[in-house]
């Protein structure tokens, strides 16, 4: 039995038998690439604390030393942090395809980031057939979370879930057959009483979670 290298949960059968990634995880990656692109466009509007998206500064904020204060998290992302998260994974996929690997470094940081996203989207159909994508999925999950926090776009999930202290026990298998325990953060969904891993997306039933908690 071959399991998806991203979630480590869904079996790859039928048309997916020769793939590394299941269809839901492929869709998840594509969706998060789109989210990263949309959030990237919003970041400059949140560079100054108190500024709403494309709006004026909120009354009550003050400037210091004659210059407007900046939000460090936003500045870090715009200054290269966002591009730096995804660039190594884009480079790895291009290297696996025997393609030049320096394009993402050309131009300014905006061009670098957008070019990296373009390349990842363009190469995703090949990658889900030939390349383990859980490192990219992990990087995307982290980046989108950081960008949402920087723009104030807190997803509803953060208000309706609870992080658990037990590490995810799911085993992720690479194409060579080697397995490793995920160890990501488990999250309890209060409305459905489900437990899911933030890192790999693995779903656990109550017995599995309790068993993992005991072993931890």
C-alpha atoms as a PDB file:
ATOM      1  CA  UNK A   1       0.000   0.000   0.000  1.00  0.00           C
ATOM      2  CA  UNK A   2       1.331   3.408  -1.010  1.00  0.00           C
ATOM      3  CA  UNK A   3       0.240   6.439   1.006  1.00  0.00           C
ATOM      4  CA  UNK A   4       0.269  10.110   0.081  1.00  0.00           C
ATOM      5  CA  UNK A   5       3.620  11.647   1.054  1.00  0.00           C
ATOM      6  CA  UNK A   6       1.902  14.870   2.179  1.00  0.00           C
ATOM      7  CA  UNK A   7      -0.835  13.695   4.543  1.00  0.00           C
ATOM      8  CA  UNK A   8       0.470  10.151   5.089  1.00  0.00           C
ATOM      9  CA  UNK A   9      -3.142   9.105   5.416  1.00  0.00           C
ATOM     10  CA  UNK A  10      -4.799   8.551   2.042  1.00  0.00           C
ATOM     11  CA  UNK A  11      -3.930   5.520  -0.061  1.00  0.00           C
ATOM     12  CA  UNK A  12      -2.782   6.178  -3.623  1.00  0.00           C
ATOM     13  CA  UNK A  13      -4.779   3.878  -5.869  1.00  0.00           C
ATOM     14  CA  UNK A  14      -6.153   3.794  -9.395  1.00  0.00           C
ATOM     15  CA  UNK A  15      -5.038   6.793 -11.436  1.00  0.00           C
ATOM     16  CA  UNK A  16      -3.046   8.002  -8.412  1.00  0.00           C
ATOM     17  CA  UNK A  17      -1.113   4.767  -7.925  1.00  0.00           C
ATOM     18  CA  UNK A  18       2.057   6.183  -9.507  1.00  0.00           C
ATOM     19  CA  UNK A  19       1.743   9.575  -7.805  1.00  0.00           C
ATOM     20  CA  UNK A  20       3.362  10.866  -4.609  1.00  0.00           C
ATOM     21  CA  UNK A  21       0.418  13.048  -3.620  1.00  0.00           C
ATOM     22  CA  UNK A  22      -3.327  12.455  -3.280  1.00  0.00           C
ATOM     23  CA  UNK A  23      -5.861  14.686  -5.050  1.00  0.00           C
ATOM     24  CA  UNK A  24      -7.067  16.500  -1.877  1.00  0.00           C
ATOM     25  CA  UNK A  25      -3.482  17.374  -0.930  1.00  0.00           C
ATOM     26  CA  UNK A  26      -2.744  18.563  -4.473  1.00  0.00           C
ATOM     27  CA  UNK A  27      -5.803  20.826  -4.254  1.00  0.00           C
ATOM     28  CA  UNK A  28      -4.676  22.007  -0.807  1.00  0.00           C
ATOM     29  CA  UNK A  29      -1.240  22.982  -2.127  1.00  0.00           C
ATOM     30  CA  UNK A  30      -2.741  24.808  -5.116  1.00  0.00           C
ATOM     31  CA  UNK A  31      -5.155  26.662  -2.815  1.00  0.00           C
ATOM     32  CA  UNK A  32      -2.390  27.721  -0.421  1.00  0.00           C
ATOM     33  CA  UNK A  33      -0.232  28.957  -3.300  1.00  0.00           C
ATOM     34  CA  UNK A  34      -3.191  31.124  -4.346  1.00  0.00           C
ATOM     35  CA  UNK A  35      -3.680  32.316  -0.768  1.00  0.00           C
ATOM     36  CA  UNK A  36       0.000  33.256  -0.511  1.00  0.00           C
ATOM     37  CA  UNK A  37      -0.289  35.281  -3.717  1.00  0.00           C
ATOM     38  CA  UNK A  38      -3.376  37.149  -2.482  1.00  0.00           C
ATOM     39  CA  UNK A  39      -1.905  37.831   0.967  1.00  0.00           C
ATOM     40  CA  UNK A  40       1.364  39.025  -0.561  1.00  0.00           C
ATOM     41  CA  UNK A  41      -0.535  41.755  -2.419  1.00  0.00           C
ATOM     42  CA  UNK A  42      -2.077  42.906   0.895  1.00  0.00           C
ATOM     43  CA  UNK A  43       1.134  43.108   2.919  1.00  0.00           C
ATOM     44  CA  UNK A  44       2.185  46.681   1.947  1.00  0.00           C
ATOM     45  CA  UNK A  45      -1.138  48.018   3.245  1.00  0.00           C
ATOM     46  CA  UNK A  46      -0.292  46.637   6.681  1.00  0.00           C
ATOM     47  CA  UNK A  47       3.268  47.941   6.877  1.00  0.00           C
ATOM     48  CA  UNK A  48       2.237  50.766   9.244  1.00  0.00           C
ATOM     49  CA  UNK A  49       0.476  49.731  12.478  1.00  0.00           C
ATOM     50  CA  UNK A  50      -3.166  50.785  12.565  1.00  0.00           C
ATOM     51  CA  UNK A  51      -3.601  51.059   8.816  1.00  0.00           C
ATOM     52  CA  UNK A  52      -6.536  49.137   7.399  1.00  0.00           C
ATOM     53  CA  UNK A  53      -6.330  47.489   3.998  1.00  0.00           C
ATOM     54  CA  UNK A  54      -6.004  50.304   1.442  1.00  0.00           C
ATOM     55  CA  UNK A  55      -7.266  52.709   4.111  1.00  0.00           C
ATOM     56  CA  UNK A  56      -5.965  55.549   6.286  1.00  0.00           C
ATOM     57  CA  UNK A  57      -4.145  55.162   9.582  1.00  0.00           C
ATOM     58  CA  UNK A  58      -6.481  54.644  12.517  1.00  0.00           C
ATOM     59  CA  UNK A  59      -6.938  57.643  14.814  1.00  0.00           C
ATOM     60  CA  UNK A  60      -4.772  57.546  17.903  1.00  0.00           C
ATOM     61  CA  UNK A  61      -1.606  56.090  16.330  1.00  0.00           C
ATOM     62  CA  UNK A  62       1.422  58.330  16.590  1.00  0.00           C
ATOM     63  CA  UNK A  63       4.639  58.706  14.655  1.00  0.00           C
ATOM     64  CA  UNK A  64       8.012  58.579  16.345  1.00  0.00           C
ATOM     65  CA  UNK A  65      11.235  60.379  15.415  1.00  0.00           C
ATOM     66  CA  UNK A  66       9.489  61.950  12.442  1.00  0.00           C
ATOM     67  CA  UNK A  67       8.865  58.620  10.697  1.00  0.00           C
ATOM     68  CA  UNK A  68       5.895  56.280  10.688  1.00  0.00           C
ATOM     69  CA  UNK A  69       6.460  53.091  12.686  1.00  0.00           C
ATOM     70  CA  UNK A  70       6.407  49.843  10.772  1.00  0.00           C
ATOM     71  CA  UNK A  71       5.176  46.402  11.633  1.00  0.00           C
ATOM     72  CA  UNK A  72       8.281  44.232  11.896  1.00  0.00           C
ATOM     73  CA  UNK A  73       6.523  40.998  10.905  1.00  0.00           C
ATOM     74  CA  UNK A  74       5.250  42.601   7.693  1.00  0.00           C
ATOM     75  CA  UNK A  75       8.631  44.167   6.974  1.00  0.00           C
ATOM     76  CA  UNK A  76      10.376  40.824   7.418  1.00  0.00           C
ATOM     77  CA  UNK A  77       7.992  39.098   4.982  1.00  0.00           C
ATOM     78  CA  UNK A  78       8.237  41.845   2.359  1.00  0.00           C
ATOM     79  CA  UNK A  79      11.988  42.142   2.791  1.00  0.00           C
ATOM     80  CA  UNK A  80      12.631  38.592   1.653  1.00  0.00           C
ATOM     81  CA  UNK A  81      11.259  36.339   4.356  1.00  0.00           C
ATOM     82  CA  UNK A  82       8.283  35.205   2.298  1.00  0.00           C
ATOM     83  CA  UNK A  83      10.380  34.478  -0.771  1.00  0.00           C
ATOM     84  CA  UNK A  84      12.984  32.716   1.340  1.00  0.00           C
ATOM     85  CA  UNK A  85      10.453  30.235   2.706  1.00  0.00           C
ATOM     86  CA  UNK A  86       9.371  28.940  -0.710  1.00  0.00           C
ATOM     87  CA  UNK A  87      12.478  29.432  -2.851  1.00  0.00           C
ATOM     88  CA  UNK A  88      14.377  26.304  -1.633  1.00  0.00           C
ATOM     89  CA  UNK A  89      11.411  24.071  -2.457  1.00  0.00           C
ATOM     90  CA  UNK A  90      10.974  25.641  -5.882  1.00  0.00           C
ATOM     91  CA  UNK A  91      14.687  25.137  -6.504  1.00  0.00           C
ATOM     92  CA  UNK A  92      14.498  21.485  -5.423  1.00  0.00           C
ATOM     93  CA  UNK A  93      11.644  20.759  -7.825  1.00  0.00           C
ATOM     94  CA  UNK A  94      13.445  22.479 -10.707  1.00  0.00           C
ATOM     95  CA  UNK A  95      16.612  20.545  -9.878  1.00  0.00           C
ATOM     96  CA  UNK A  96      14.636  17.288  -9.908  1.00  0.00           C
ATOM     97  CA  UNK A  97      13.401  18.227 -13.379  1.00  0.00           C
ATOM     98  CA  UNK A  98      16.959  19.056 -14.538  1.00  0.00           C
ATOM     99  CA  UNK A  99      15.970  22.682 -15.099  1.00  0.00           C
ATOM    100  CA  UNK A 100      17.993  25.839 -14.341  1.00  0.00           C
ATOM    101  CA  UNK A 101      17.626  26.761 -10.687  1.00  0.00           C
ATOM    102  CA  UNK A 102      18.583  30.440 -10.466  1.00  0.00           C
ATOM    103  CA  UNK A 103      15.564  32.210 -12.020  1.00  0.00           C
ATOM    104  CA  UNK A 104      13.836  32.977  -8.734  1.00  0.00           C
ATOM    105  CA  UNK A 105      16.786  35.141  -7.630  1.00  0.00           C
ATOM    106  CA  UNK A 106      16.472  37.560 -10.551  1.00  0.00           C
ATOM    107  CA  UNK A 107      14.925  41.009 -10.067  1.00  0.00           C
ATOM    108  CA  UNK A 108      13.513  42.623  -6.932  1.00  0.00           C
ATOM    109  CA  UNK A 109      11.900  40.787  -4.051  1.00  0.00           C
ATOM    110  CA  UNK A 110       8.387  41.245  -5.470  1.00  0.00           C
ATOM    111  CA  UNK A 111       9.405  39.694  -8.760  1.00  0.00           C
ATOM    112  CA  UNK A 112      11.282  36.928  -6.938  1.00  0.00           C
ATOM    113  CA  UNK A 113       8.262  35.967  -4.866  1.00  0.00           C
ATOM    114  CA  UNK A 114       5.804  36.076  -7.742  1.00  0.00           C
ATOM    115  CA  UNK A 115       8.178  34.145 -10.005  1.00  0.00           C
ATOM    116  CA  UNK A 116       8.610  31.492  -7.317  1.00  0.00           C
ATOM    117  CA  UNK A 117       4.829  31.113  -7.023  1.00  0.00           C
ATOM    118  CA  UNK A 118       4.482  30.976 -10.809  1.00  0.00           C
ATOM    119  CA  UNK A 119       7.099  28.227 -11.012  1.00  0.00           C
ATOM    120  CA  UNK A 120       5.551  26.171  -8.199  1.00  0.00           C
ATOM    121  CA  UNK A 121       2.084  26.400  -9.778  1.00  0.00           C
ATOM    122  CA  UNK A 122       3.444  25.521 -13.210  1.00  0.00           C
ATOM    123  CA  UNK A 123       5.424  22.518 -11.941  1.00  0.00           C
ATOM    124  CA  UNK A 124       2.815  21.205  -9.496  1.00  0.00           C
ATOM    125  CA  UNK A 125       1.224  18.729 -11.976  1.00  0.00           C
ATOM    126  CA  UNK A 126       4.666  17.146 -12.503  1.00  0.00           C
ATOM    127  CA  UNK A 127       5.602  17.256  -8.837  1.00  0.00           C
ATOM    128  CA  UNK A 128       2.510  15.394  -7.597  1.00  0.00           C
ATOM    129  CA  UNK A 129       3.568  12.508  -9.845  1.00  0.00           C
ATOM    130  CA  UNK A 130       7.287  12.488  -9.208  1.00  0.00           C
ATOM    131  CA  UNK A 131       8.357  14.425  -6.109  1.00  0.00           C
ATOM    132  CA  UNK A 132       7.580  14.177  -2.364  1.00  0.00           C
ATOM    133  CA  UNK A 133       5.752  17.393  -1.514  1.00  0.00           C
ATOM    134  CA  UNK A 134       5.326  17.325   2.254  1.00  0.00           C
ATOM    135  CA  UNK A 135       8.276  19.742   2.805  1.00  0.00           C
ATOM    136  CA  UNK A 136       6.619  22.246   0.455  1.00  0.00           C
ATOM    137  CA  UNK A 137       3.245  21.721   2.148  1.00  0.00           C
ATOM    138  CA  UNK A 138       4.799  22.351   5.566  1.00  0.00           C
ATOM    139  CA  UNK A 139       6.484  25.537   4.296  1.00  0.00           C
ATOM    140  CA  UNK A 140       3.261  26.778   2.719  1.00  0.00           C
ATOM    141  CA  UNK A 141       1.276  26.122   5.888  1.00  0.00           C
ATOM    142  CA  UNK A 142       3.785  28.116   7.937  1.00  0.00           C
ATOM    143  CA  UNK A 143       4.039  30.964   5.433  1.00  0.00           C
ATOM    144  CA  UNK A 144       0.286  31.437   4.975  1.00  0.00           C
ATOM    145  CA  UNK A 145      -0.173  31.423   8.760  1.00  0.00           C
ATOM    146  CA  UNK A 146       2.516  34.117   9.116  1.00  0.00           C
ATOM    147  CA  UNK A 147       1.016  36.219   6.326  1.00  0.00           C
ATOM    148  CA  UNK A 148      -2.464  35.945   7.805  1.00  0.00           C
ATOM    149  CA  UNK A 149      -1.178  37.036  11.189  1.00  0.00           C
ATOM    150  CA  UNK A 150       0.674  39.981   9.625  1.00  0.00           C
ATOM    151  CA  UNK A 151      -2.423  41.173   7.752  1.00  0.00           C
ATOM    152  CA  UNK A 152      -4.886  40.472  10.565  1.00  0.00           C
ATOM    153  CA  UNK A 153      -6.615  37.846   8.435  1.00  0.00           C
ATOM    154  CA  UNK A 154      -7.192  35.395  11.293  1.00  0.00           C
ATOM    155  CA  UNK A 155      -9.064  32.357   9.946  1.00  0.00           C
ATOM    156  CA  UNK A 156     -12.199  31.187  11.707  1.00  0.00           C
ATOM    157  CA  UNK A 157     -10.384  27.976  12.606  1.00  0.00           C
ATOM    158  CA  UNK A 158      -8.136  29.815  15.074  1.00  0.00           C
ATOM    159  CA  UNK A 159     -11.204  30.988  16.997  1.00  0.00           C
ATOM    160  CA  UNK A 160     -12.937  27.616  17.115  1.00  0.00           C
ATOM    161  CA  UNK A 161     -10.084  25.215  17.798  1.00  0.00           C
ATOM    162  CA  UNK A 162      -7.607  24.361  20.527  1.00  0.00           C
ATOM    163  CA  UNK A 163      -3.972  23.346  20.064  1.00  0.00           C
ATOM    164  CA  UNK A 164      -3.087  20.098  21.819  1.00  0.00           C
ATOM    165  CA  UNK A 165       0.260  19.361  23.425  1.00  0.00           C
ATOM    166  CA  UNK A 166       0.504  15.879  21.931  1.00  0.00           C
ATOM    167  CA  UNK A 167       2.708  15.570  18.789  1.00  0.00           C
ATOM    168  CA  UNK A 168       1.166  14.016  15.692  1.00  0.00           C
ATOM    169  CA  UNK A 169       1.909  10.269  15.544  1.00  0.00           C
ATOM    170  CA  UNK A 170       1.294   9.904  11.789  1.00  0.00           C
ATOM    171  CA  UNK A 171       4.037   8.232   9.766  1.00  0.00           C
ATOM    172  CA  UNK A 172       4.981   9.874   6.481  1.00  0.00           C
ATOM    173  CA  UNK A 173       6.661   7.671   3.882  1.00  0.00           C
ATOM    174  CA  UNK A 174       8.971   9.002   1.181  1.00  0.00           C
ATOM    175  CA  UNK A 175       9.171   7.463  -2.320  1.00  0.00           C
ATOM    176  CA  UNK A 176      12.107   5.289  -1.224  1.00  0.00           C
ATOM    177  CA  UNK A 177       9.918   3.654   1.396  1.00  0.00           C
ATOM    178  CA  UNK A 178      11.535   5.262   4.448  1.00  0.00           C
ATOM    179  CA  UNK A 179       9.143   6.449   7.124  1.00  0.00           C
ATOM    180  CA  UNK A 180       9.329   9.143   9.788  1.00  0.00           C
ATOM    181  CA  UNK A 181       6.919  10.316  12.466  1.00  0.00           C
ATOM    182  CA  UNK A 182       5.333  13.696  11.676  1.00  0.00           C
ATOM    183  CA  UNK A 183       5.454  15.231  15.166  1.00  0.00           C
ATOM    184  CA  UNK A 184       3.365  18.251  14.122  1.00  0.00           C
ATOM    185  CA  UNK A 185       0.855  20.144  16.270  1.00  0.00           C
ATOM    186  CA  UNK A 186      -2.518  18.462  16.778  1.00  0.00           C
ATOM    187  CA  UNK A 187      -5.596  20.696  16.817  1.00  0.00           C
ATOM    188  CA  UNK A 188      -8.961  19.890  18.423  1.00  0.00           C
ATOM    189  CA  UNK A 189     -12.017  21.182  16.530  1.00  0.00           C
ATOM    190  CA  UNK A 190     -14.631  22.059  19.128  1.00  0.00           C
ATOM    191  CA  UNK A 191     -17.634  21.968  16.800  1.00  0.00           C
ATOM    192  CA  UNK A 192     -16.966  18.497  15.377  1.00  0.00           C
ATOM    193  CA  UNK A 193     -14.760  17.024  18.156  1.00  0.00           C
ATOM    194  CA  UNK A 194     -12.264  16.038  15.469  1.00  0.00           C
ATOM    195  CA  UNK A 195      -8.486  16.114  15.900  1.00  0.00           C
ATOM    196  CA  UNK A 196      -6.268  17.067  12.945  1.00  0.00           C
ATOM    197  CA  UNK A 197      -2.560  17.736  12.517  1.00  0.00           C
ATOM    198  CA  UNK A 198      -1.591  21.270  11.470  1.00  0.00           C
ATOM    199  CA  UNK A 199       1.561  19.993   9.760  1.00  0.00           C
ATOM    200  CA  UNK A 200       0.442  16.995   7.703  1.00  0.00           C
ATOM    201  CA  UNK A 201      -3.360  17.217   7.796  1.00  0.00           C
ATOM    202  CA  UNK A 202      -3.715  13.733   9.322  1.00  0.00           C
ATOM    203  CA  UNK A 203      -7.103  13.123  10.991  1.00  0.00           C
ATOM    204  CA  UNK A 204      -7.227  11.153  14.254  1.00  0.00           C
ATOM    205  CA  UNK A 205     -10.228   9.673  15.952  1.00  0.00           C
ATOM    206  CA  UNK A 206     -10.562   9.972  19.730  1.00  0.00           C
ATOM    207  CA  UNK A 207      -8.973   6.592  20.467  1.00  0.00           C
ATOM    208  CA  UNK A 208      -5.932   7.401  18.299  1.00  0.00           C
ATOM    209  CA  UNK A 209      -5.441  10.779  19.944  1.00  0.00           C
ATOM    210  CA  UNK A 210      -5.775   9.396  23.453  1.00  0.00           C
ATOM    211  CA  UNK A 211      -3.334   6.629  22.612  1.00  0.00           C
ATOM    212  CA  UNK A 212      -0.834   9.159  21.257  1.00  0.00           C
ATOM    213  CA  UNK A 213      -1.276  11.296  24.385  1.00  0.00           C
ATOM    214  CA  UNK A 214      -0.503   8.322  26.630  1.00  0.00           C
ATOM    215  CA  UNK A 215       2.619   7.417  24.646  1.00  0.00           C
ATOM    216  CA  UNK A 216       3.787  11.035  24.684  1.00  0.00           C
END
